[in-house]
Amino acid sequence: MPKHFLMCRPDFFGVEYAINPWMHPEAGADRDVAVRQWEGLKTAYEELGHRVSLIDPIDGLPDMVFAANGALVVDGRVYGARFAYPERGPEGPAYLRWFTERGYPAHEAQYVNEGEGDFLTMNEVILAGTGFRTDVAAHQEAQERLGRPVISLTLTDPRFYHLDTALCPLDGHNVAYYPEAFSPGSRTVLCRMFPDAVLATAEDAGVLGLNAVSDGVNVVVNAEASNLQLELKRRGYEVIPVDLSELRKAGGGPKCCTLEIRGEN
């Protein structure tokens, strides 16, 4: 089934501050390259038959390109983001406004959460990350707002500051993930829930290979994650490699750029 994605063109992208280990403002970033790479990602989605909607970028919000962080949308209902760092704070209201202006039932969050960065939706449950950005209280709030069971997972490696940097849903019932990014208890939970999961290597996790987008058949993944691509192909998935190396300078990959709008009537 075609999916509906919300994206934000990186017209104002830059590495202007450091709020995760990937960001080094002194090294800078090439905005023109970032735009070209982002356009390649958008084209990949459209060629797969998915629908892409756009939110207007806002000058002064260089990370707004990372649309996944803007909200969580399940069954046509929107749970808004409340960012941990003030540098990104205005993004939450901007994304919530986009949805409310289009008639989506939208809920403003009371607790800090960074949307699909830390909430990944499966068929029956929502996997939710905590440890660096999202308050664990937001997990309960999302469950109450959206009516889906939420499973809390604790991240322990600051390189993997959002759940979507360490885990990728491959379809509604299986995932790929990097075990070393999680606490021992969370690893046990993942092992029990997903005994047939794809386990990523340190090398592939280290190029944000798990910050990927799957429609259940095709997986759009960072081109450098070579071992992960081979294993996904072995499992029967079609792999679409993309180059988002410039956006990775801010800690983002394909999933970070992609907010899925689920459950529209």
C-alpha atoms as a PDB file:
ATOM      1  CA  MET A   1       0.000   0.000   0.000  1.00  0.00           C
ATOM      2  CA  PRO A   2       1.311   3.467  -0.833  1.00  0.00           C
ATOM      3  CA  LYS A   3       2.281   5.538   2.179  1.00  0.00           C
ATOM      4  CA  HIS A   4       1.859   9.249   2.852  1.00  0.00           C
ATOM      5  CA  PHE A   5       4.973  11.093   4.015  1.00  0.00           C
ATOM      6  CA  LEU A   6       5.477  14.643   5.222  1.00  0.00           C
ATOM      7  CA  MET A   7       8.849  16.218   4.409  1.00  0.00           C
ATOM      8  CA  CYS A   8      10.530  19.610   4.742  1.00  0.00           C
ATOM      9  CA  ARG A   9      12.969  20.926   2.121  1.00  0.00           C
ATOM     10  CA  PRO A  10      16.314  21.874   3.758  1.00  0.00           C
ATOM     11  CA  ASP A  11      16.374  25.438   2.432  1.00  0.00           C
ATOM     12  CA  PHE A  12      17.727  26.712   5.757  1.00  0.00           C
ATOM     13  CA  PHE A  13      19.751  23.657   6.768  1.00  0.00           C
ATOM     14  CA  GLY A  14      23.049  24.094   8.543  1.00  0.00           C
ATOM     15  CA  VAL A  15      25.012  22.785  11.494  1.00  0.00           C
ATOM     16  CA  GLU A  16      24.750  25.893  13.643  1.00  0.00           C
ATOM     17  CA  TYR A  17      24.848  24.343  17.123  1.00  0.00           C
ATOM     18  CA  ALA A  18      25.695  21.002  18.735  1.00  0.00           C
ATOM     19  CA  ILE A  19      22.912  19.050  20.424  1.00  0.00           C
ATOM     20  CA  ASN A  20      24.106  15.539  19.541  1.00  0.00           C
ATOM     21  CA  PRO A  21      27.515  13.908  18.986  1.00  0.00           C
ATOM     22  CA  TRP A  22      27.193  14.070  15.199  1.00  0.00           C
ATOM     23  CA  MET A  23      27.060  17.873  15.110  1.00  0.00           C
ATOM     24  CA  HIS A  24      30.264  19.926  14.725  1.00  0.00           C
ATOM     25  CA  PRO A  25      29.433  23.551  13.838  1.00  0.00           C
ATOM     26  CA  GLU A  26      33.070  24.360  13.172  1.00  0.00           C
ATOM     27  CA  ALA A  27      33.072  21.880  10.265  1.00  0.00           C
ATOM     28  CA  GLY A  28      30.037  23.452   8.627  1.00  0.00           C
ATOM     29  CA  ALA A  29      27.707  21.935   6.049  1.00  0.00           C
ATOM     30  CA  ASP A  30      26.971  22.528   2.377  1.00  0.00           C
ATOM     31  CA  ARG A  31      23.317  23.505   2.049  1.00  0.00           C
ATOM     32  CA  ASP A  32      23.233  23.030  -1.717  1.00  0.00           C
ATOM     33  CA  VAL A  33      24.504  19.475  -1.388  1.00  0.00           C
ATOM     34  CA  ALA A  34      21.983  18.812   1.382  1.00  0.00           C
ATOM     35  CA  VAL A  35      19.150  20.011  -0.853  1.00  0.00           C
ATOM     36  CA  ARG A  36      20.280  17.798  -3.743  1.00  0.00           C
ATOM     37  CA  GLN A  37      20.539  14.762  -1.492  1.00  0.00           C
ATOM     38  CA  TRP A  38      17.128  15.482   0.052  1.00  0.00           C
ATOM     39  CA  GLU A  39      15.615  15.809  -3.423  1.00  0.00           C
ATOM     40  CA  GLY A  40      17.026  12.384  -4.221  1.00  0.00           C
ATOM     41  CA  LEU A  41      15.273  10.929  -1.181  1.00  0.00           C
ATOM     42  CA  LYS A  42      11.969  12.552  -2.106  1.00  0.00           C
ATOM     43  CA  THR A  43      12.275  11.246  -5.664  1.00  0.00           C
ATOM     44  CA  ALA A  44      12.982   7.732  -4.370  1.00  0.00           C
ATOM     45  CA  TYR A  45       9.722   7.781  -2.402  1.00  0.00           C
ATOM     46  CA  GLU A  46       7.728   9.072  -5.343  1.00  0.00           C
ATOM     47  CA  GLU A  47       9.199   6.462  -7.692  1.00  0.00           C
ATOM     48  CA  LEU A  48       8.061   3.793  -5.206  1.00  0.00           C
ATOM     49  CA  GLY A  49       4.520   5.159  -5.486  1.00  0.00           C
ATOM     50  CA  HIS A  50       4.369   6.945  -2.147  1.00  0.00           C
ATOM     51  CA  ARG A  51       2.730  10.330  -1.680  1.00  0.00           C
ATOM     52  CA  VAL A  52       4.895  13.172  -0.366  1.00  0.00           C
ATOM     53  CA  SER A  53       3.446  16.328   1.188  1.00  0.00           C
ATOM     54  CA  LEU A  54       5.615  19.291   2.103  1.00  0.00           C
ATOM     55  CA  ILE A  55       5.706  21.674   5.042  1.00  0.00           C
ATOM     56  CA  ASP A  56       7.284  25.070   4.422  1.00  0.00           C
ATOM     57  CA  PRO A  57      10.725  25.435   6.025  1.00  0.00           C
ATOM     58  CA  ILE A  58      11.233  28.331   8.444  1.00  0.00           C
ATOM     59  CA  ASP A  59      14.306  30.524   8.414  1.00  0.00           C
ATOM     60  CA  GLY A  60      16.210  30.134  11.682  1.00  0.00           C
ATOM     61  CA  LEU A  61      15.206  26.478  12.150  1.00  0.00           C
ATOM     62  CA  PRO A  62      18.052  24.591  10.435  1.00  0.00           C
ATOM     63  CA  ASP A  63      16.907  21.184  11.748  1.00  0.00           C
ATOM     64  CA  MET A  64      13.307  21.500  10.542  1.00  0.00           C
ATOM     65  CA  VAL A  65      14.280  19.245   7.629  1.00  0.00           C
ATOM     66  CA  PHE A  66      14.117  16.374  10.117  1.00  0.00           C
ATOM     67  CA  ALA A  67      10.358  16.066   9.805  1.00  0.00           C
ATOM     68  CA  ALA A  68      10.124  12.780  11.714  1.00  0.00           C
ATOM     69  CA  ASN A  69      10.702  14.693  14.928  1.00  0.00           C
ATOM     70  CA  GLY A  70       7.705  16.974  14.333  1.00  0.00           C
ATOM     71  CA  ALA A  71       4.879  14.682  15.453  1.00  0.00           C
ATOM     72  CA  LEU A  72       3.514  11.146  15.721  1.00  0.00           C
ATOM     73  CA  VAL A  73       0.485  10.287  13.573  1.00  0.00           C
ATOM     74  CA  VAL A  74      -1.483   7.099  14.248  1.00  0.00           C
ATOM     75  CA  ASP A  75      -5.007   6.277  13.017  1.00  0.00           C
ATOM     76  CA  GLY A  76      -5.287   9.810  11.639  1.00  0.00           C
ATOM     77  CA  ARG A  77      -4.670  11.382  15.057  1.00  0.00           C
ATOM     78  CA  VAL A  78      -1.685  13.585  15.799  1.00  0.00           C
ATOM     79  CA  TYR A  79       0.390  13.669  18.974  1.00  0.00           C
ATOM     80  CA  GLY A  80       2.515  16.793  18.785  1.00  0.00           C
ATOM     81  CA  ALA A  81       6.197  17.177  19.612  1.00  0.00           C
ATOM     82  CA  ARG A  82       7.710  19.144  22.470  1.00  0.00           C
ATOM     83  CA  PHE A  83      11.442  19.449  21.885  1.00  0.00           C
ATOM     84  CA  ALA A  84      14.111  18.944  24.523  1.00  0.00           C
ATOM     85  CA  TYR A  85      16.394  21.735  23.275  1.00  0.00           C
ATOM     86  CA  PRO A  86      15.286  25.365  22.846  1.00  0.00           C
ATOM     87  CA  GLU A  87      17.055  25.568  19.494  1.00  0.00           C
ATOM     88  CA  ARG A  88      14.392  23.270  18.053  1.00  0.00           C
ATOM     89  CA  GLY A  89      11.477  24.362  20.229  1.00  0.00           C
ATOM     90  CA  PRO A  90       9.541  26.323  17.551  1.00  0.00           C
ATOM     91  CA  GLU A  91       9.415  23.282  15.275  1.00  0.00           C
ATOM     92  CA  GLY A  92       6.766  21.577  17.434  1.00  0.00           C
ATOM     93  CA  PRO A  93       4.104  24.290  17.021  1.00  0.00           C
ATOM     94  CA  ALA A  94       4.941  24.658  13.314  1.00  0.00           C
ATOM     95  CA  TYR A  95       4.283  20.992  12.614  1.00  0.00           C
ATOM     96  CA  LEU A  96       1.191  20.900  14.838  1.00  0.00           C
ATOM     97  CA  ARG A  97      -0.177  23.931  12.971  1.00  0.00           C
ATOM     98  CA  TRP A  98       0.336  22.166   9.628  1.00  0.00           C
ATOM     99  CA  PHE A  99      -1.846  19.297  10.796  1.00  0.00           C
ATOM    100  CA  THR A 100      -4.565  21.364  12.468  1.00  0.00           C
ATOM    101  CA  GLU A 101      -4.920  23.574   9.383  1.00  0.00           C
ATOM    102  CA  ARG A 102      -5.684  20.412   7.408  1.00  0.00           C
ATOM    103  CA  GLY A 103      -8.287  19.144   9.820  1.00  0.00           C
ATOM    104  CA  TYR A 104      -6.374  16.433  11.649  1.00  0.00           C
ATOM    105  CA  PRO A 105      -7.369  15.818  15.281  1.00  0.00           C
ATOM    106  CA  ALA A 106      -4.209  17.072  16.997  1.00  0.00           C
ATOM    107  CA  HIS A 107      -3.069  16.978  20.619  1.00  0.00           C
ATOM    108  CA  GLU A 108      -0.434  19.285  22.043  1.00  0.00           C
ATOM    109  CA  ALA A 109       2.037  17.354  24.193  1.00  0.00           C
ATOM    110  CA  GLN A 110       2.503  18.140  27.863  1.00  0.00           C
ATOM    111  CA  TYR A 111       5.739  16.176  28.112  1.00  0.00           C
ATOM    112  CA  VAL A 112       8.989  16.392  26.187  1.00  0.00           C
ATOM    113  CA  ASN A 113       8.982  14.123  23.156  1.00  0.00           C
ATOM    114  CA  GLU A 114      10.478  14.311  19.686  1.00  0.00           C
ATOM    115  CA  GLY A 115       7.822  12.653  17.580  1.00  0.00           C
ATOM    116  CA  GLU A 116       8.757   9.725  15.398  1.00  0.00           C
ATOM    117  CA  GLY A 117      12.349  10.192  16.429  1.00  0.00           C
ATOM    118  CA  ASP A 118      11.411   8.281  19.575  1.00  0.00           C
ATOM    119  CA  PHE A 119       8.060   6.696  18.619  1.00  0.00           C
ATOM    120  CA  LEU A 120       8.045   3.913  16.008  1.00  0.00           C
ATOM    121  CA  THR A 121       4.705   2.333  15.145  1.00  0.00           C
ATOM    122  CA  MET A 122       4.203  -1.385  14.614  1.00  0.00           C
ATOM    123  CA  ASN A 123       0.928  -3.170  13.781  1.00  0.00           C
ATOM    124  CA  GLU A 124      -0.227  -3.531  17.367  1.00  0.00           C
ATOM    125  CA  VAL A 125       2.144  -1.482  19.520  1.00  0.00           C
ATOM    126  CA  ILE A 126       4.264   1.643  19.490  1.00  0.00           C
ATOM    127  CA  LEU A 127       7.942   1.266  20.388  1.00  0.00           C
ATOM    128  CA  ALA A 128       9.089   4.315  22.344  1.00  0.00           C
ATOM    129  CA  GLY A 129      12.618   5.468  23.153  1.00  0.00           C
ATOM    130  CA  THR A 130      13.853   7.332  26.189  1.00  0.00           C
ATOM    131  CA  GLY A 131      17.232   8.127  27.687  1.00  0.00           C
ATOM    132  CA  PHE A 132      18.328  11.252  25.831  1.00  0.00           C
ATOM    133  CA  ARG A 133      15.431  13.255  24.393  1.00  0.00           C
ATOM    134  CA  THR A 134      11.944  11.927  25.123  1.00  0.00           C
ATOM    135  CA  ASP A 135      10.580  11.925  28.674  1.00  0.00           C
ATOM    136  CA  VAL A 136       9.273   8.486  29.660  1.00  0.00           C
ATOM    137  CA  ALA A 137       6.086  10.241  30.846  1.00  0.00           C
ATOM    138  CA  ALA A 138       5.419  11.078  27.192  1.00  0.00           C
ATOM    139  CA  HIS A 139       5.141   7.354  26.498  1.00  0.00           C
ATOM    140  CA  GLN A 140       2.114   7.123  28.764  1.00  0.00           C
ATOM    141  CA  GLU A 141       0.708  10.360  27.371  1.00  0.00           C
ATOM    142  CA  ALA A 142       0.980   9.040  23.801  1.00  0.00           C
ATOM    143  CA  GLN A 143      -0.730   5.804  24.809  1.00  0.00           C
ATOM    144  CA  GLU A 144      -3.635   7.729  26.316  1.00  0.00           C
ATOM    145  CA  ARG A 145      -3.924  10.065  23.333  1.00  0.00           C
ATOM    146  CA  LEU A 146      -3.622   7.427  20.612  1.00  0.00           C
ATOM    147  CA  GLY A 147      -5.041   4.296  22.209  1.00  0.00           C
ATOM    148  CA  ARG A 148      -2.123   2.074  21.239  1.00  0.00           C
ATOM    149  CA  PRO A 149       0.009   0.096  23.714  1.00  0.00           C
ATOM    150  CA  VAL A 150       3.412   1.733  24.120  1.00  0.00           C
ATOM    151  CA  ILE A 151       6.570  -0.273  24.885  1.00  0.00           C
ATOM    152  CA  SER A 152       9.343   1.761  26.532  1.00  0.00           C
ATOM    153  CA  LEU A 153      12.951   1.158  25.470  1.00  0.00           C
ATOM    154  CA  THR A 154      15.988   2.841  27.034  1.00  0.00           C
ATOM    155  CA  LEU A 155      18.816   4.157  24.867  1.00  0.00           C
ATOM    156  CA  THR A 156      22.291   4.287  26.431  1.00  0.00           C
ATOM    157  CA  ASP A 157      24.718   5.389  23.689  1.00  0.00           C
ATOM    158  CA  PRO A 158      24.592   9.156  22.988  1.00  0.00           C
ATOM    159  CA  ARG A 159      25.376   8.583  19.300  1.00  0.00           C
ATOM    160  CA  PHE A 160      21.970   6.958  19.081  1.00  0.00           C
ATOM    161  CA  TYR A 161      20.050   9.736  20.764  1.00  0.00           C
ATOM    162  CA  HIS A 162      16.697   8.882  19.145  1.00  0.00           C
ATOM    163  CA  LEU A 163      15.116   5.455  18.793  1.00  0.00           C
ATOM    164  CA  ASP A 164      15.010   5.850  15.018  1.00  0.00           C
ATOM    165  CA  THR A 165      18.814   5.978  14.896  1.00  0.00           C
ATOM    166  CA  ALA A 166      19.076   2.527  16.524  1.00  0.00           C
ATOM    167  CA  LEU A 167      15.982   0.655  15.319  1.00  0.00           C
ATOM    168  CA  CYS A 168      13.997   0.446  12.078  1.00  0.00           C
ATOM    169  CA  PRO A 169      10.576  -1.210  11.698  1.00  0.00           C
ATOM    170  CA  LEU A 170      10.803  -3.417   8.617  1.00  0.00           C
ATOM    171  CA  ASP A 171       7.100  -4.168   8.546  1.00  0.00           C
ATOM    172  CA  GLY A 172       4.321  -4.297  11.109  1.00  0.00           C
ATOM    173  CA  HIS A 173       5.812  -7.166  13.057  1.00  0.00           C
ATOM    174  CA  ASN A 174       9.611  -7.202  12.646  1.00  0.00           C
ATOM    175  CA  VAL A 175      12.517  -4.778  13.020  1.00  0.00           C
ATOM    176  CA  ALA A 176      16.206  -4.229  12.473  1.00  0.00           C
ATOM    177  CA  TYR A 177      18.187  -2.835  15.402  1.00  0.00           C
ATOM    178  CA  TYR A 178      21.607  -2.357  16.972  1.00  0.00           C
ATOM    179  CA  PRO A 179      21.585  -4.138  20.363  1.00  0.00           C
ATOM    180  CA  GLU A 180      24.487  -2.172  21.884  1.00  0.00           C
ATOM    181  CA  ALA A 181      22.466   1.047  21.690  1.00  0.00           C
ATOM    182  CA  PHE A 182      20.039  -0.225  24.347  1.00  0.00           C
ATOM    183  CA  SER A 183      20.052  -0.975  28.056  1.00  0.00           C
ATOM    184  CA  PRO A 184      20.300  -4.662  29.037  1.00  0.00           C
ATOM    185  CA  GLY A 185      16.618  -4.819  29.962  1.00  0.00           C
ATOM    186  CA  SER A 186      15.560  -3.243  26.692  1.00  0.00           C
ATOM    187  CA  ARG A 187      17.734  -5.692  24.750  1.00  0.00           C
ATOM    188  CA  THR A 188      15.913  -8.542  26.478  1.00  0.00           C
ATOM    189  CA  VAL A 189      12.551  -7.033  25.579  1.00  0.00           C
ATOM    190  CA  LEU A 190      13.560  -6.633  21.941  1.00  0.00           C
ATOM    191  CA  CYS A 191      14.919 -10.156  21.786  1.00  0.00           C
ATOM    192  CA  ARG A 192      11.641 -11.551  23.132  1.00  0.00           C
ATOM    193  CA  MET A 193       9.437  -9.396  20.914  1.00  0.00           C
ATOM    194  CA  PHE A 194      11.457  -9.836  17.722  1.00  0.00           C
ATOM    195  CA  PRO A 195      13.329 -13.157  17.758  1.00  0.00           C
ATOM    196  CA  ASP A 196      13.804 -12.946  13.974  1.00  0.00           C
ATOM    197  CA  ALA A 197      15.047  -9.353  13.947  1.00  0.00           C
ATOM    198  CA  VAL A 198      17.861  -8.162  11.723  1.00  0.00           C
ATOM    199  CA  LEU A 199      20.802  -7.243  13.965  1.00  0.00           C
ATOM    200  CA  ALA A 200      22.936  -4.424  12.618  1.00  0.00           C
ATOM    201  CA  THR A 201      26.708  -4.287  12.912  1.00  0.00           C
ATOM    202  CA  ALA A 202      28.529  -1.484  14.670  1.00  0.00           C
ATOM    203  CA  GLU A 203      29.798  -0.293  11.287  1.00  0.00           C
ATOM    204  CA  ASP A 204      26.313   0.036   9.815  1.00  0.00           C
ATOM    205  CA  ALA A 205      24.903   1.632  12.955  1.00  0.00           C
ATOM    206  CA  GLY A 206      27.827   4.054  12.872  1.00  0.00           C
ATOM    207  CA  VAL A 207      26.684   5.481   9.514  1.00  0.00           C
ATOM    208  CA  LEU A 208      23.072   5.717  10.712  1.00  0.00           C
ATOM    209  CA  GLY A 209      22.139   2.724   8.612  1.00  0.00           C
ATOM    210  CA  LEU A 210      19.179   2.009  10.867  1.00  0.00           C
ATOM    211  CA  ASN A 211      17.724   5.453  10.232  1.00  0.00           C
ATOM    212  CA  ALA A 212      15.915   3.847   7.323  1.00  0.00           C
ATOM    213  CA  VAL A 213      12.367   3.795   5.956  1.00  0.00           C
ATOM    214  CA  SER A 214      10.598   0.577   5.006  1.00  0.00           C
ATOM    215  CA  ASP A 215       7.197   0.116   3.383  1.00  0.00           C
ATOM    216  CA  GLY A 216       7.264  -3.612   4.138  1.00  0.00           C
ATOM    217  CA  VAL A 217       8.803  -4.481   0.766  1.00  0.00           C
ATOM    218  CA  ASN A 218      11.287  -1.716  -0.042  1.00  0.00           C
ATOM    219  CA  VAL A 219      13.819  -0.314   2.414  1.00  0.00           C
ATOM    220  CA  VAL A 220      15.306   3.127   1.759  1.00  0.00           C
ATOM    221  CA  VAL A 221      18.652   3.104   3.553  1.00  0.00           C
ATOM    222  CA  ASN A 222      21.887   5.074   3.777  1.00  0.00           C
ATOM    223  CA  ALA A 223      24.166   3.892   0.977  1.00  0.00           C
ATOM    224  CA  GLU A 224      27.165   3.328   3.276  1.00  0.00           C
ATOM    225  CA  ALA A 225      25.378   0.661   5.354  1.00  0.00           C
ATOM    226  CA  SER A 226      26.663  -2.165   3.169  1.00  0.00           C
ATOM    227  CA  ASN A 227      26.333  -5.130   5.538  1.00  0.00           C
ATOM    228  CA  LEU A 228      22.796  -4.151   6.474  1.00  0.00           C
ATOM    229  CA  GLN A 229      21.840  -3.903   2.813  1.00  0.00           C
ATOM    230  CA  LEU A 230      23.133  -7.410   2.135  1.00  0.00           C
ATOM    231  CA  GLU A 231      21.232  -8.870   5.075  1.00  0.00           C
ATOM    232  CA  LEU A 232      18.021  -7.104   4.070  1.00  0.00           C
ATOM    233  CA  LYS A 233      18.355  -8.470   0.546  1.00  0.00           C
ATOM    234  CA  ARG A 234      18.936 -11.927   1.996  1.00  0.00           C
ATOM    235  CA  ARG A 235      15.670 -11.553   3.913  1.00  0.00           C
ATOM    236  CA  GLY A 236      13.828 -10.729   0.690  1.00  0.00           C
ATOM    237  CA  TYR A 237      13.588  -6.936   0.887  1.00  0.00           C
ATOM    238  CA  GLU A 238      14.261  -4.614  -2.019  1.00  0.00           C
ATOM    239  CA  VAL A 239      16.959  -2.134  -0.977  1.00  0.00           C
ATOM    240  CA  ILE A 240      17.058   1.446  -2.224  1.00  0.00           C
ATOM    241  CA  PRO A 241      20.349   3.085  -1.179  1.00  0.00           C
ATOM    242  CA  VAL A 242      20.460   6.878  -0.892  1.00  0.00           C
ATOM    243  CA  ASP A 243      23.218   9.349  -0.096  1.00  0.00           C
ATOM    244  CA  LEU A 244      22.366  11.712   2.774  1.00  0.00           C
ATOM    245  CA  SER A 245      25.933  12.255   3.948  1.00  0.00           C
ATOM    246  CA  GLU A 246      25.509  16.022   4.257  1.00  0.00           C
ATOM    247  CA  LEU A 247      22.419  15.738   6.444  1.00  0.00           C
ATOM    248  CA  ARG A 248      24.227  13.136   8.563  1.00  0.00           C
ATOM    249  CA  LYS A 249      26.467  15.986   9.740  1.00  0.00           C
ATOM    250  CA  ALA A 250      23.478  17.004  11.869  1.00  0.00           C
ATOM    251  CA  GLY A 251      22.711  13.427  12.924  1.00  0.00           C
ATOM    252  CA  GLY A 252      20.011  12.655  10.374  1.00  0.00           C
ATOM    253  CA  GLY A 253      19.237  10.096   7.700  1.00  0.00           C
ATOM    254  CA  PRO A 254      16.268   8.993   5.581  1.00  0.00           C
ATOM    255  CA  LYS A 255      13.932   8.361   8.509  1.00  0.00           C
ATOM    256  CA  CYS A 256      14.789  11.637  10.210  1.00  0.00           C
ATOM    257  CA  CYS A 257      13.631  13.417   7.050  1.00  0.00           C
ATOM    258  CA  THR A 258      10.363  11.482   6.863  1.00  0.00           C
ATOM    259  CA  LEU A 259       7.204  11.758   8.973  1.00  0.00           C
ATOM    260  CA  GLU A 260       4.647   9.074   8.137  1.00  0.00           C
ATOM    261  CA  ILE A 261       0.993  10.117   8.171  1.00  0.00           C
ATOM    262  CA  ARG A 262      -0.905   6.973   9.148  1.00  0.00           C
ATOM    263  CA  GLY A 263      -4.552   6.054   9.155  1.00  0.00           C
ATOM    264  CA  GLU A 264      -6.136   8.703   6.983  1.00  0.00           C
ATOM    265  CA  ASN A 265      -9.748   8.109   5.989  1.00  0.00           C
END
